[in-house]
Amino acid sequence: MKLVVADSAWRSLAMLTDHWSDFKTHESIVQRVDELWDAVDWLLEHPTAGQFEDNMEDLGLGHRRWIVQEIKIVYRSIGPILLVTDFFDSRQDPSRMKG
């Protein structure tokens, strides 16, 4: 599969790392981001492993989620493409999720 990361996902990841910088060391932030990318790499091989994302169901596009600690990786499998649409802190209001 080919990986495509939506602009919205890049923005979400940047917001997360900015937030984490208030209380985490640079090294721990790098470790967390590495864990997220390791999960994305794994999803490239197992794109149907995640559960369907109930909060995106109304779009009818088959969004799935894979959770790493409290971060949801929201993605879609479109033929040979794995499209990551969001990195979402699941402690937030689900209505803030990006499709």
C-alpha atoms as a PDB file:
ATOM      1  CA  MET A   1       0.000   0.000   0.000  1.00  0.00           C
ATOM      2  CA  LYS A   2       0.971   3.607  -0.527  1.00  0.00           C
ATOM      3  CA  LEU A   3       0.727   6.028   2.399  1.00  0.00           C
ATOM      4  CA  VAL A   4      -0.944   9.409   1.974  1.00  0.00           C
ATOM      5  CA  VAL A   5      -1.211  11.763   4.965  1.00  0.00           C
ATOM      6  CA  ALA A   6      -3.852  14.477   4.675  1.00  0.00           C
ATOM      7  CA  ASP A   7      -2.956  18.063   5.515  1.00  0.00           C
ATOM      8  CA  SER A   8      -5.472  17.860   8.355  1.00  0.00           C
ATOM      9  CA  ALA A   9      -3.527  14.958   9.891  1.00  0.00           C
ATOM     10  CA  TRP A  10      -0.232  16.871   9.649  1.00  0.00           C
ATOM     11  CA  ARG A  11      -1.878  19.839  11.379  1.00  0.00           C
ATOM     12  CA  SER A  12      -3.320  17.607  14.104  1.00  0.00           C
ATOM     13  CA  LEU A  13       0.053  16.005  14.729  1.00  0.00           C
ATOM     14  CA  ALA A  14       1.704  19.426  14.933  1.00  0.00           C
ATOM     15  CA  MET A  15      -0.934  20.583  17.418  1.00  0.00           C
ATOM     16  CA  LEU A  16      -0.399  17.463  19.527  1.00  0.00           C
ATOM     17  CA  THR A  17       3.366  17.876  19.632  1.00  0.00           C
ATOM     18  CA  ASP A  18       2.956  21.555  20.483  1.00  0.00           C
ATOM     19  CA  HIS A  19       0.612  20.655  23.332  1.00  0.00           C
ATOM     20  CA  TRP A  20       2.940  17.911  24.588  1.00  0.00           C
ATOM     21  CA  SER A  21       5.854  20.359  24.634  1.00  0.00           C
ATOM     22  CA  ASP A  22       4.187  22.097  27.599  1.00  0.00           C
ATOM     23  CA  PHE A  23       4.830  19.095  29.857  1.00  0.00           C
ATOM     24  CA  LYS A  24       6.996  16.493  28.076  1.00  0.00           C
ATOM     25  CA  THR A  25      10.662  16.392  27.197  1.00  0.00           C
ATOM     26  CA  HIS A  26      11.748  16.603  23.575  1.00  0.00           C
ATOM     27  CA  GLU A  27      12.938  12.984  23.765  1.00  0.00           C
ATOM     28  CA  SER A  28       9.577  11.710  25.011  1.00  0.00           C
ATOM     29  CA  ILE A  29       7.747  13.636  22.277  1.00  0.00           C
ATOM     30  CA  VAL A  30      10.009  12.104  19.647  1.00  0.00           C
ATOM     31  CA  GLN A  31       9.314   8.668  21.142  1.00  0.00           C
ATOM     32  CA  ARG A  32       5.523   9.241  21.050  1.00  0.00           C
ATOM     33  CA  VAL A  33       5.639  10.425  17.429  1.00  0.00           C
ATOM     34  CA  ASP A  34       7.806   7.421  16.501  1.00  0.00           C
ATOM     35  CA  GLU A  35       5.202   5.127  18.105  1.00  0.00           C
ATOM     36  CA  LEU A  36       2.487   6.723  15.986  1.00  0.00           C
ATOM     37  CA  TRP A  37       4.481   6.308  12.764  1.00  0.00           C
ATOM     38  CA  ASP A  38       5.330   2.704  13.696  1.00  0.00           C
ATOM     39  CA  ALA A  39       1.591   2.065  14.022  1.00  0.00           C
ATOM     40  CA  VAL A  40       0.948   3.720  10.642  1.00  0.00           C
ATOM     41  CA  ASP A  41       3.641   1.500   9.095  1.00  0.00           C
ATOM     42  CA  TRP A  42       1.926  -1.540  10.615  1.00  0.00           C
ATOM     43  CA  LEU A  43      -1.445  -0.383   9.261  1.00  0.00           C
ATOM     44  CA  LEU A  44       0.047  -0.285   5.770  1.00  0.00           C
ATOM     45  CA  GLU A  45       0.344  -4.068   6.059  1.00  0.00           C
ATOM     46  CA  HIS A  46      -2.939  -4.545   7.971  1.00  0.00           C
ATOM     47  CA  PRO A  47      -5.339  -1.830   6.765  1.00  0.00           C
ATOM     48  CA  THR A  48      -8.500  -3.619   7.929  1.00  0.00           C
ATOM     49  CA  ALA A  49      -7.215  -4.139  11.484  1.00  0.00           C
ATOM     50  CA  GLY A  50      -8.760  -0.982  12.909  1.00  0.00           C
ATOM     51  CA  GLN A  51     -12.347  -0.681  14.000  1.00  0.00           C
ATOM     52  CA  PHE A  52     -14.738   1.468  11.996  1.00  0.00           C
ATOM     53  CA  GLU A  53     -14.844   4.980  13.476  1.00  0.00           C
ATOM     54  CA  ASP A  54     -18.384   5.536  14.713  1.00  0.00           C
ATOM     55  CA  ASN A  55     -17.933   9.309  14.863  1.00  0.00           C
ATOM     56  CA  MET A  56     -17.230   9.440  11.113  1.00  0.00           C
ATOM     57  CA  GLU A  57     -19.876   6.930  10.066  1.00  0.00           C
ATOM     58  CA  ASP A  58     -22.236   9.612   8.752  1.00  0.00           C
ATOM     59  CA  LEU A  59     -19.718  10.421   5.987  1.00  0.00           C
ATOM     60  CA  GLY A  60     -20.070   6.880   4.627  1.00  0.00           C
ATOM     61  CA  LEU A  61     -16.410   6.704   3.611  1.00  0.00           C
ATOM     62  CA  GLY A  62     -15.317   3.780   5.780  1.00  0.00           C
ATOM     63  CA  HIS A  63     -13.067   5.647   8.213  1.00  0.00           C
ATOM     64  CA  ARG A  64     -11.290   3.379  10.679  1.00  0.00           C
ATOM     65  CA  ARG A  65      -9.349   4.028  13.846  1.00  0.00           C
ATOM     66  CA  TRP A  66      -6.282   2.547  15.450  1.00  0.00           C
ATOM     67  CA  ILE A  67      -5.503   3.714  18.965  1.00  0.00           C
ATOM     68  CA  VAL A  68      -1.978   4.226  20.271  1.00  0.00           C
ATOM     69  CA  GLN A  69      -2.248   5.115  23.956  1.00  0.00           C
ATOM     70  CA  GLU A  70      -4.866   7.901  23.850  1.00  0.00           C
ATOM     71  CA  ILE A  71      -4.241   8.963  20.238  1.00  0.00           C
ATOM     72  CA  LYS A  72      -6.592   7.743  17.522  1.00  0.00           C
ATOM     73  CA  ILE A  73      -5.072   7.336  14.110  1.00  0.00           C
ATOM     74  CA  VAL A  74      -8.064   7.944  11.836  1.00  0.00           C
ATOM     75  CA  TYR A  75      -7.625   6.519   8.355  1.00  0.00           C
ATOM     76  CA  ARG A  76      -9.274   5.117   5.255  1.00  0.00           C
ATOM     77  CA  SER A  77      -8.191   2.370   2.952  1.00  0.00           C
ATOM     78  CA  ILE A  78      -8.853   3.384  -0.663  1.00  0.00           C
ATOM     79  CA  GLY A  79      -7.703   0.626  -2.993  1.00  0.00           C
ATOM     80  CA  PRO A  80      -3.900   0.618  -2.795  1.00  0.00           C
ATOM     81  CA  ILE A  81      -3.814   3.800  -0.657  1.00  0.00           C
ATOM     82  CA  LEU A  82      -3.860   4.182   3.112  1.00  0.00           C
ATOM     83  CA  LEU A  83      -5.090   7.723   3.759  1.00  0.00           C
ATOM     84  CA  VAL A  84      -4.444   9.025   7.283  1.00  0.00           C
ATOM     85  CA  THR A  85      -6.935  11.817   7.929  1.00  0.00           C
ATOM     86  CA  ASP A  86      -6.335  12.640  11.589  1.00  0.00           C
ATOM     87  CA  PHE A  87      -4.275  12.055  14.710  1.00  0.00           C
ATOM     88  CA  PHE A  88      -6.897  12.664  17.366  1.00  0.00           C
ATOM     89  CA  ASP A  89      -6.477  12.822  21.127  1.00  0.00           C
ATOM     90  CA  SER A  90      -9.401  10.657  22.217  1.00  0.00           C
ATOM     91  CA  ARG A  91      -9.803  12.702  25.415  1.00  0.00           C
ATOM     92  CA  GLN A  92     -11.269  15.523  23.274  1.00  0.00           C
ATOM     93  CA  ASP A  93     -14.849  16.011  22.190  1.00  0.00           C
ATOM     94  CA  PRO A  94     -15.376  13.601  19.240  1.00  0.00           C
ATOM     95  CA  SER A  95     -17.175  16.323  17.273  1.00  0.00           C
ATOM     96  CA  ARG A  96     -13.721  17.907  16.691  1.00  0.00           C
ATOM     97  CA  MET A  97     -12.580  14.947  14.590  1.00  0.00           C
ATOM     98  CA  LYS A  98     -11.550  15.724  11.005  1.00  0.00           C
ATOM     99  CA  GLY A  99     -12.644  13.678   8.022  1.00  0.00           C
END
